[in-house]
Amino acid sequence: MHPTLTTRQHSAAKFFLLALFIIALDQLSKYLVHTYMQLGSAGEIPIFGQWAKLTYTLNPGMAFGAELPAPYGKLVLTGFRMLAVGGLIYYIIRLCRQRVAAGYIACMALILGGAVGNLIDSIFYGIIYNNAPVGSPTRWFYGQVIDMIFVPLYVGYFPKSWPLIGGSYSNGFPIFNIADSSIFIGVAFILLNQNRFFNESQPAAAPNEPQPLVAADAEKLA
């Protein structure tokens, strides 16, 4: 499958501005939570009763609380995020040059904004907020991501028949942040709009692209 092409070439600047907006919103929310909220459930703020809350939580690992083994798992994760961000920037520029549908590029910009938002936490928060886990080899690249959005969809024990999490207790949906939400929204929109964003046919040749010199049915001319 190939991304759907349009007749109009897009400017990459507007998509990077969208990513920058997500980064700014994410970092502002984390600053406000760190400055004005108490860490843990003691500082919890209800938003919609028991359906959604603000809870200041530190996440040493990946999105939605996943974590790689210490002590160097965090460093590997941070390095991977840096590579992913570089790849996304290149990919968005390439999509714009190829005149891919704007909606698909916007989704990639949402993913980029979320990735950079959490990358900033990992690189700098160990220094800025001094929140690197105890025993970290260095405070650089070991900062913990600030999460705050808590939606307790399910509280209780998972059925034992479920793989990996069967029999474990859940106190609600993992706590996440705006960066996580932006990544999730970008991926979800791509999955929900596959028919619009992708097609199974090969992309048409560019007007200036040289055509093959051999006829498709050359064997008939022999």
C-alpha atoms as a PDB file:
ATOM      1  CA  MET A   1       0.000   0.000   0.000  1.00  0.00           C
ATOM      2  CA  HIS A   2       1.142   3.519  -0.781  1.00  0.00           C
ATOM      3  CA  PRO A   3       0.088   6.898   0.697  1.00  0.00           C
ATOM      4  CA  THR A   4      -2.595   8.643  -1.321  1.00  0.00           C
ATOM      5  CA  LEU A   5      -1.138  11.419  -3.489  1.00  0.00           C
ATOM      6  CA  THR A   6      -2.677  14.808  -4.259  1.00  0.00           C
ATOM      7  CA  THR A   7      -2.042  17.400  -6.946  1.00  0.00           C
ATOM      8  CA  ARG A   8      -0.935  20.014  -4.412  1.00  0.00           C
ATOM      9  CA  GLN A   9       2.487  20.139  -2.766  1.00  0.00           C
ATOM     10  CA  HIS A  10       2.417  20.983   0.945  1.00  0.00           C
ATOM     11  CA  SER A  11       4.746  23.143   2.985  1.00  0.00           C
ATOM     12  CA  ALA A  12       6.417  21.135   5.748  1.00  0.00           C
ATOM     13  CA  ALA A  13       6.487  24.266   7.938  1.00  0.00           C
ATOM     14  CA  LYS A  14       2.791  24.114   8.832  1.00  0.00           C
ATOM     15  CA  PHE A  15       3.077  20.501   9.976  1.00  0.00           C
ATOM     16  CA  PHE A  16       6.137  21.272  12.069  1.00  0.00           C
ATOM     17  CA  LEU A  17       4.161  24.148  13.610  1.00  0.00           C
ATOM     18  CA  LEU A  18       1.463  21.641  14.554  1.00  0.00           C
ATOM     19  CA  ALA A  19       4.112  19.456  16.192  1.00  0.00           C
ATOM     20  CA  LEU A  20       5.546  22.509  17.960  1.00  0.00           C
ATOM     21  CA  PHE A  21       2.096  23.390  19.299  1.00  0.00           C
ATOM     22  CA  ILE A  22       1.755  19.895  20.777  1.00  0.00           C
ATOM     23  CA  ILE A  23       5.229  20.156  22.325  1.00  0.00           C
ATOM     24  CA  ALA A  24       4.450  23.563  23.880  1.00  0.00           C
ATOM     25  CA  LEU A  25       1.082  22.377  25.243  1.00  0.00           C
ATOM     26  CA  ASP A  26       2.646  19.227  26.645  1.00  0.00           C
ATOM     27  CA  GLN A  27       5.548  21.013  28.321  1.00  0.00           C
ATOM     28  CA  LEU A  28       3.293  23.725  29.756  1.00  0.00           C
ATOM     29  CA  SER A  29       0.982  21.125  31.285  1.00  0.00           C
ATOM     30  CA  LYS A  30       3.938  19.308  32.848  1.00  0.00           C
ATOM     31  CA  TYR A  31       5.367  22.538  34.251  1.00  0.00           C
ATOM     32  CA  LEU A  32       2.023  23.461  35.826  1.00  0.00           C
ATOM     33  CA  VAL A  33       1.565  19.995  37.298  1.00  0.00           C
ATOM     34  CA  HIS A  34       5.092  19.950  38.739  1.00  0.00           C
ATOM     35  CA  THR A  35       4.782  23.479  40.120  1.00  0.00           C
ATOM     36  CA  TYR A  36       1.276  23.421  41.592  1.00  0.00           C
ATOM     37  CA  MET A  37       0.409  19.784  42.327  1.00  0.00           C
ATOM     38  CA  GLN A  38       1.535  17.403  45.008  1.00  0.00           C
ATOM     39  CA  LEU A  39       3.103  14.156  43.828  1.00  0.00           C
ATOM     40  CA  GLY A  40       0.915  11.062  44.133  1.00  0.00           C
ATOM     41  CA  SER A  41      -2.726  10.444  45.000  1.00  0.00           C
ATOM     42  CA  ALA A  42      -2.599  12.970  47.855  1.00  0.00           C
ATOM     43  CA  GLY A  43      -2.631  15.819  45.332  1.00  0.00           C
ATOM     44  CA  GLU A  44      -5.258  14.262  43.055  1.00  0.00           C
ATOM     45  CA  ILE A  45      -7.713  16.687  41.425  1.00  0.00           C
ATOM     46  CA  PRO A  46     -11.070  15.348  40.128  1.00  0.00           C
ATOM     47  CA  ILE A  47     -12.059  16.610  36.667  1.00  0.00           C
ATOM     48  CA  PHE A  48     -15.246  14.657  35.927  1.00  0.00           C
ATOM     49  CA  GLY A  49     -15.994  13.123  39.288  1.00  0.00           C
ATOM     50  CA  GLN A  50     -14.449   9.666  39.461  1.00  0.00           C
ATOM     51  CA  TRP A  51     -14.343   9.310  35.671  1.00  0.00           C
ATOM     52  CA  ALA A  52     -11.243  11.447  35.068  1.00  0.00           C
ATOM     53  CA  LYS A  53      -8.657  12.947  37.413  1.00  0.00           C
ATOM     54  CA  LEU A  54      -5.385  14.833  37.432  1.00  0.00           C
ATOM     55  CA  THR A  55      -2.716  12.860  39.298  1.00  0.00           C
ATOM     56  CA  TYR A  56       0.941  13.910  39.354  1.00  0.00           C
ATOM     57  CA  THR A  57       2.948  10.783  38.560  1.00  0.00           C
ATOM     58  CA  LEU A  58       6.534  10.136  37.472  1.00  0.00           C
ATOM     59  CA  ASN A  59       7.076   7.548  34.762  1.00  0.00           C
ATOM     60  CA  PRO A  60      10.668   6.308  34.318  1.00  0.00           C
ATOM     61  CA  GLY A  61       9.811   4.301  31.209  1.00  0.00           C
ATOM     62  CA  MET A  62       7.770   4.473  28.029  1.00  0.00           C
ATOM     63  CA  ALA A  63       4.260   5.627  27.196  1.00  0.00           C
ATOM     64  CA  PHE A  64       1.483   4.422  29.525  1.00  0.00           C
ATOM     65  CA  GLY A  65       3.955   3.206  32.141  1.00  0.00           C
ATOM     66  CA  ALA A  66       5.873   0.522  30.214  1.00  0.00           C
ATOM     67  CA  GLU A  67       9.503   0.268  31.327  1.00  0.00           C
ATOM     68  CA  LEU A  68      12.778  -1.284  30.140  1.00  0.00           C
ATOM     69  CA  PRO A  69      15.157  -3.033  32.596  1.00  0.00           C
ATOM     70  CA  ALA A  70      17.471  -0.833  34.686  1.00  0.00           C
ATOM     71  CA  PRO A  71      20.059   0.594  34.747  1.00  0.00           C
ATOM     72  CA  TYR A  72      20.641   1.123  31.019  1.00  0.00           C
ATOM     73  CA  GLY A  73      17.159   0.449  29.689  1.00  0.00           C
ATOM     74  CA  LYS A  74      16.285   4.127  30.088  1.00  0.00           C
ATOM     75  CA  LEU A  75      19.370   5.191  28.139  1.00  0.00           C
ATOM     76  CA  VAL A  76      18.481   2.770  25.330  1.00  0.00           C
ATOM     77  CA  LEU A  77      14.914   4.120  25.290  1.00  0.00           C
ATOM     78  CA  THR A  78      16.120   7.727  25.111  1.00  0.00           C
ATOM     79  CA  GLY A  79      18.483   6.877  22.264  1.00  0.00           C
ATOM     80  CA  PHE A  80      15.676   5.127  20.393  1.00  0.00           C
ATOM     81  CA  ARG A  81      13.428   8.172  20.849  1.00  0.00           C
ATOM     82  CA  MET A  82      16.109  10.424  19.390  1.00  0.00           C
ATOM     83  CA  LEU A  83      16.445   8.188  16.333  1.00  0.00           C
ATOM     84  CA  ALA A  84      12.667   8.015  15.962  1.00  0.00           C
ATOM     85  CA  VAL A  85      12.341  11.810  16.097  1.00  0.00           C
ATOM     86  CA  GLY A  86      15.020  12.228  13.420  1.00  0.00           C
ATOM     87  CA  GLY A  87      13.287   9.640  11.257  1.00  0.00           C
ATOM     88  CA  LEU A  88       9.891  11.319  11.659  1.00  0.00           C
ATOM     89  CA  ILE A  89      11.284  14.728  10.681  1.00  0.00           C
ATOM     90  CA  TYR A  90      12.827  13.272   7.531  1.00  0.00           C
ATOM     91  CA  TYR A  91       9.646  11.309   6.751  1.00  0.00           C
ATOM     92  CA  ILE A  92       7.384  14.360   7.048  1.00  0.00           C
ATOM     93  CA  ILE A  93       9.623  16.383   4.719  1.00  0.00           C
ATOM     94  CA  ARG A  94       9.608  13.517   2.226  1.00  0.00           C
ATOM     95  CA  LEU A  95       5.795  13.156   2.420  1.00  0.00           C
ATOM     96  CA  CYS A  96       5.380  16.862   1.677  1.00  0.00           C
ATOM     97  CA  ARG A  97       7.644  16.645  -1.372  1.00  0.00           C
ATOM     98  CA  GLN A  98       5.731  13.610  -2.616  1.00  0.00           C
ATOM     99  CA  ARG A  99       2.398  15.481  -2.312  1.00  0.00           C
ATOM    100  CA  VAL A 100       0.878  12.972   0.084  1.00  0.00           C
ATOM    101  CA  ALA A 101      -2.577  13.692   1.544  1.00  0.00           C
ATOM    102  CA  ALA A 102      -2.387  16.456   4.171  1.00  0.00           C
ATOM    103  CA  GLY A 103      -4.419  14.481   6.720  1.00  0.00           C
ATOM    104  CA  TYR A 104      -1.834  11.713   6.821  1.00  0.00           C
ATOM    105  CA  ILE A 105       1.037  14.183   7.236  1.00  0.00           C
ATOM    106  CA  ALA A 106      -0.875  15.925  10.052  1.00  0.00           C
ATOM    107  CA  CYS A 107      -1.176  12.583  11.866  1.00  0.00           C
ATOM    108  CA  MET A 108       2.580  12.093  11.556  1.00  0.00           C
ATOM    109  CA  ALA A 109       3.064  15.614  12.957  1.00  0.00           C
ATOM    110  CA  LEU A 110       0.937  14.658  15.991  1.00  0.00           C
ATOM    111  CA  ILE A 111       3.119  11.610  16.527  1.00  0.00           C
ATOM    112  CA  LEU A 112       6.269  13.732  16.146  1.00  0.00           C
ATOM    113  CA  GLY A 113       5.029  16.309  18.663  1.00  0.00           C
ATOM    114  CA  GLY A 114       4.266  13.615  21.222  1.00  0.00           C
ATOM    115  CA  ALA A 115       7.604  11.880  20.688  1.00  0.00           C
ATOM    116  CA  VAL A 116       9.554  15.129  21.162  1.00  0.00           C
ATOM    117  CA  GLY A 117       7.477  16.042  24.222  1.00  0.00           C
ATOM    118  CA  ASN A 118       8.472  12.870  26.080  1.00  0.00           C
ATOM    119  CA  LEU A 119      12.024  13.027  24.723  1.00  0.00           C
ATOM    120  CA  ILE A 120      12.502  16.432  26.379  1.00  0.00           C
ATOM    121  CA  ASP A 121      11.493  14.881  29.710  1.00  0.00           C
ATOM    122  CA  SER A 122      13.946  12.023  29.316  1.00  0.00           C
ATOM    123  CA  ILE A 123      16.894  14.222  28.390  1.00  0.00           C
ATOM    124  CA  PHE A 124      16.417  17.259  30.638  1.00  0.00           C
ATOM    125  CA  TYR A 125      14.041  16.574  33.544  1.00  0.00           C
ATOM    126  CA  GLY A 126      16.706  14.772  35.556  1.00  0.00           C
ATOM    127  CA  ILE A 127      18.511  18.140  35.606  1.00  0.00           C
ATOM    128  CA  ILE A 128      15.618  20.630  35.529  1.00  0.00           C
ATOM    129  CA  TYR A 129      13.350  18.879  38.051  1.00  0.00           C
ATOM    130  CA  ASN A 130      15.969  16.587  39.605  1.00  0.00           C
ATOM    131  CA  ASN A 131      13.670  13.590  39.135  1.00  0.00           C
ATOM    132  CA  ALA A 132      16.131  10.977  37.837  1.00  0.00           C
ATOM    133  CA  PRO A 133      15.569   7.647  39.647  1.00  0.00           C
ATOM    134  CA  VAL A 134      17.866   6.839  42.535  1.00  0.00           C
ATOM    135  CA  GLY A 135      20.923   4.949  41.320  1.00  0.00           C
ATOM    136  CA  SER A 136      20.871   6.374  37.793  1.00  0.00           C
ATOM    137  CA  PRO A 137      24.376   6.562  36.272  1.00  0.00           C
ATOM    138  CA  THR A 138      23.739  10.218  35.396  1.00  0.00           C
ATOM    139  CA  ARG A 139      20.917  12.746  35.647  1.00  0.00           C
ATOM    140  CA  TRP A 140      21.214  13.518  31.919  1.00  0.00           C
ATOM    141  CA  PHE A 141      19.037  11.249  29.743  1.00  0.00           C
ATOM    142  CA  TYR A 142      17.510   9.640  32.831  1.00  0.00           C
ATOM    143  CA  GLY A 143      14.743  12.142  33.558  1.00  0.00           C
ATOM    144  CA  GLN A 144      11.338  10.727  34.396  1.00  0.00           C
ATOM    145  CA  VAL A 145       8.347  11.635  32.245  1.00  0.00           C
ATOM    146  CA  ILE A 146       5.612  13.574  34.042  1.00  0.00           C
ATOM    147  CA  ASP A 147       2.173  11.973  33.643  1.00  0.00           C
ATOM    148  CA  MET A 148      -1.058  13.440  34.979  1.00  0.00           C
ATOM    149  CA  ILE A 149      -4.211  12.304  33.142  1.00  0.00           C
ATOM    150  CA  PHE A 150      -5.902   9.436  35.009  1.00  0.00           C
ATOM    151  CA  VAL A 151      -8.994   7.722  33.581  1.00  0.00           C
ATOM    152  CA  PRO A 152      -9.831   4.754  35.862  1.00  0.00           C
ATOM    153  CA  LEU A 153     -11.825   2.687  33.342  1.00  0.00           C
ATOM    154  CA  TYR A 154     -11.445  -0.600  35.208  1.00  0.00           C
ATOM    155  CA  VAL A 155     -10.582  -1.307  38.831  1.00  0.00           C
ATOM    156  CA  GLY A 156     -10.200  -4.908  39.940  1.00  0.00           C
ATOM    157  CA  TYR A 157      -8.506  -8.197  39.037  1.00  0.00           C
ATOM    158  CA  PHE A 158      -8.055  -9.295  35.413  1.00  0.00           C
ATOM    159  CA  PRO A 159      -9.330 -12.808  34.552  1.00  0.00           C
ATOM    160  CA  LYS A 160      -6.639 -15.449  35.037  1.00  0.00           C
ATOM    161  CA  SER A 161      -7.195 -16.715  31.491  1.00  0.00           C
ATOM    162  CA  TRP A 162      -5.863 -13.434  30.037  1.00  0.00           C
ATOM    163  CA  PRO A 163      -2.230 -13.680  28.805  1.00  0.00           C
ATOM    164  CA  LEU A 164       0.503 -11.673  30.595  1.00  0.00           C
ATOM    165  CA  ILE A 165      -1.852  -9.645  32.849  1.00  0.00           C
ATOM    166  CA  GLY A 166      -4.170 -12.450  33.967  1.00  0.00           C
ATOM    167  CA  GLY A 167      -4.725 -12.476  37.736  1.00  0.00           C
ATOM    168  CA  SER A 168      -3.077  -9.085  38.283  1.00  0.00           C
ATOM    169  CA  TYR A 169      -4.867  -6.186  39.951  1.00  0.00           C
ATOM    170  CA  SER A 170      -5.617  -2.948  38.113  1.00  0.00           C
ATOM    171  CA  ASN A 171      -6.405   0.303  39.887  1.00  0.00           C
ATOM    172  CA  GLY A 172      -7.443   1.947  36.626  1.00  0.00           C
ATOM    173  CA  PHE A 173      -6.208   2.903  33.182  1.00  0.00           C
ATOM    174  CA  PRO A 174      -2.492   3.827  33.081  1.00  0.00           C
ATOM    175  CA  ILE A 175      -1.822   7.482  33.777  1.00  0.00           C
ATOM    176  CA  PHE A 176      -0.675   9.368  30.686  1.00  0.00           C
ATOM    177  CA  ASN A 177       0.089  12.887  29.428  1.00  0.00           C
ATOM    178  CA  ILE A 178      -0.640  15.133  26.449  1.00  0.00           C
ATOM    179  CA  ALA A 179       2.351  13.777  24.515  1.00  0.00           C
ATOM    180  CA  ASP A 180       1.061  10.206  24.915  1.00  0.00           C
ATOM    181  CA  SER A 181      -2.411  11.365  23.876  1.00  0.00           C
ATOM    182  CA  SER A 182      -1.044  13.059  20.754  1.00  0.00           C
ATOM    183  CA  ILE A 183       0.773   9.894  19.679  1.00  0.00           C
ATOM    184  CA  PHE A 184      -2.336   7.788  20.323  1.00  0.00           C
ATOM    185  CA  ILE A 185      -4.594  10.180  18.386  1.00  0.00           C
ATOM    186  CA  GLY A 186      -2.185  10.286  15.434  1.00  0.00           C
ATOM    187  CA  VAL A 187      -1.972   6.490  15.213  1.00  0.00           C
ATOM    188  CA  ALA A 188      -5.728   6.045  15.747  1.00  0.00           C
ATOM    189  CA  PHE A 189      -6.614   8.492  12.963  1.00  0.00           C
ATOM    190  CA  ILE A 190      -4.262   6.694  10.563  1.00  0.00           C
ATOM    191  CA  LEU A 191      -5.886   3.351  11.361  1.00  0.00           C
ATOM    192  CA  LEU A 192      -9.413   4.755  11.070  1.00  0.00           C
ATOM    193  CA  ASN A 193      -8.690   6.478   7.751  1.00  0.00           C
ATOM    194  CA  GLN A 194      -6.681   3.827   5.939  1.00  0.00           C
ATOM    195  CA  ASN A 195      -9.016   3.945   2.932  1.00  0.00           C
ATOM    196  CA  ARG A 196      -8.410   7.689   2.587  1.00  0.00           C
ATOM    197  CA  PHE A 197      -4.712   7.782   3.398  1.00  0.00           C
ATOM    198  CA  PHE A 198      -3.559   4.714   1.453  1.00  0.00           C
ATOM    199  CA  ASN A 199      -4.191   2.932  -1.825  1.00  0.00           C
ATOM    200  CA  GLU A 200      -3.002  -0.409  -3.140  1.00  0.00           C
ATOM    201  CA  SER A 201      -1.982   0.829  -6.597  1.00  0.00           C
ATOM    202  CA  GLN A 202       1.524   1.993  -7.434  1.00  0.00           C
ATOM    203  CA  PRO A 203       2.010   5.792  -7.347  1.00  0.00           C
ATOM    204  CA  ALA A 204       1.770   7.476 -10.732  1.00  0.00           C
ATOM    205  CA  ALA A 205       5.045   8.506 -12.379  1.00  0.00           C
ATOM    206  CA  ALA A 206       5.982  12.140 -12.093  1.00  0.00           C
ATOM    207  CA  PRO A 207       5.551  14.223 -15.276  1.00  0.00           C
ATOM    208  CA  ASN A 208       9.317  14.634 -15.722  1.00  0.00           C
ATOM    209  CA  GLU A 209      10.159  11.048 -14.863  1.00  0.00           C
ATOM    210  CA  PRO A 210      11.654   9.194 -17.875  1.00  0.00           C
ATOM    211  CA  GLN A 211       9.480   6.405 -19.248  1.00  0.00           C
ATOM    212  CA  PRO A 212      10.885   2.938 -19.990  1.00  0.00           C
ATOM    213  CA  LEU A 213      12.260   2.469 -23.522  1.00  0.00           C
ATOM    214  CA  VAL A 214      11.114  -1.157 -23.831  1.00  0.00           C
ATOM    215  CA  ALA A 215       7.493  -1.828 -24.691  1.00  0.00           C
ATOM    216  CA  ALA A 216       5.426  -3.792 -22.179  1.00  0.00           C
ATOM    217  CA  ASP A 217       4.664  -6.426 -24.820  1.00  0.00           C
ATOM    218  CA  ALA A 218       8.149  -6.494 -26.367  1.00  0.00           C
ATOM    219  CA  GLU A 219       8.044 -10.242 -26.585  1.00  0.00           C
ATOM    220  CA  LYS A 220       5.241  -9.960 -29.149  1.00  0.00           C
ATOM    221  CA  LEU A 221       7.358  -7.760 -31.392  1.00  0.00           C
ATOM    222  CA  ALA A 222      10.173 -10.269 -31.666  1.00  0.00           C
END
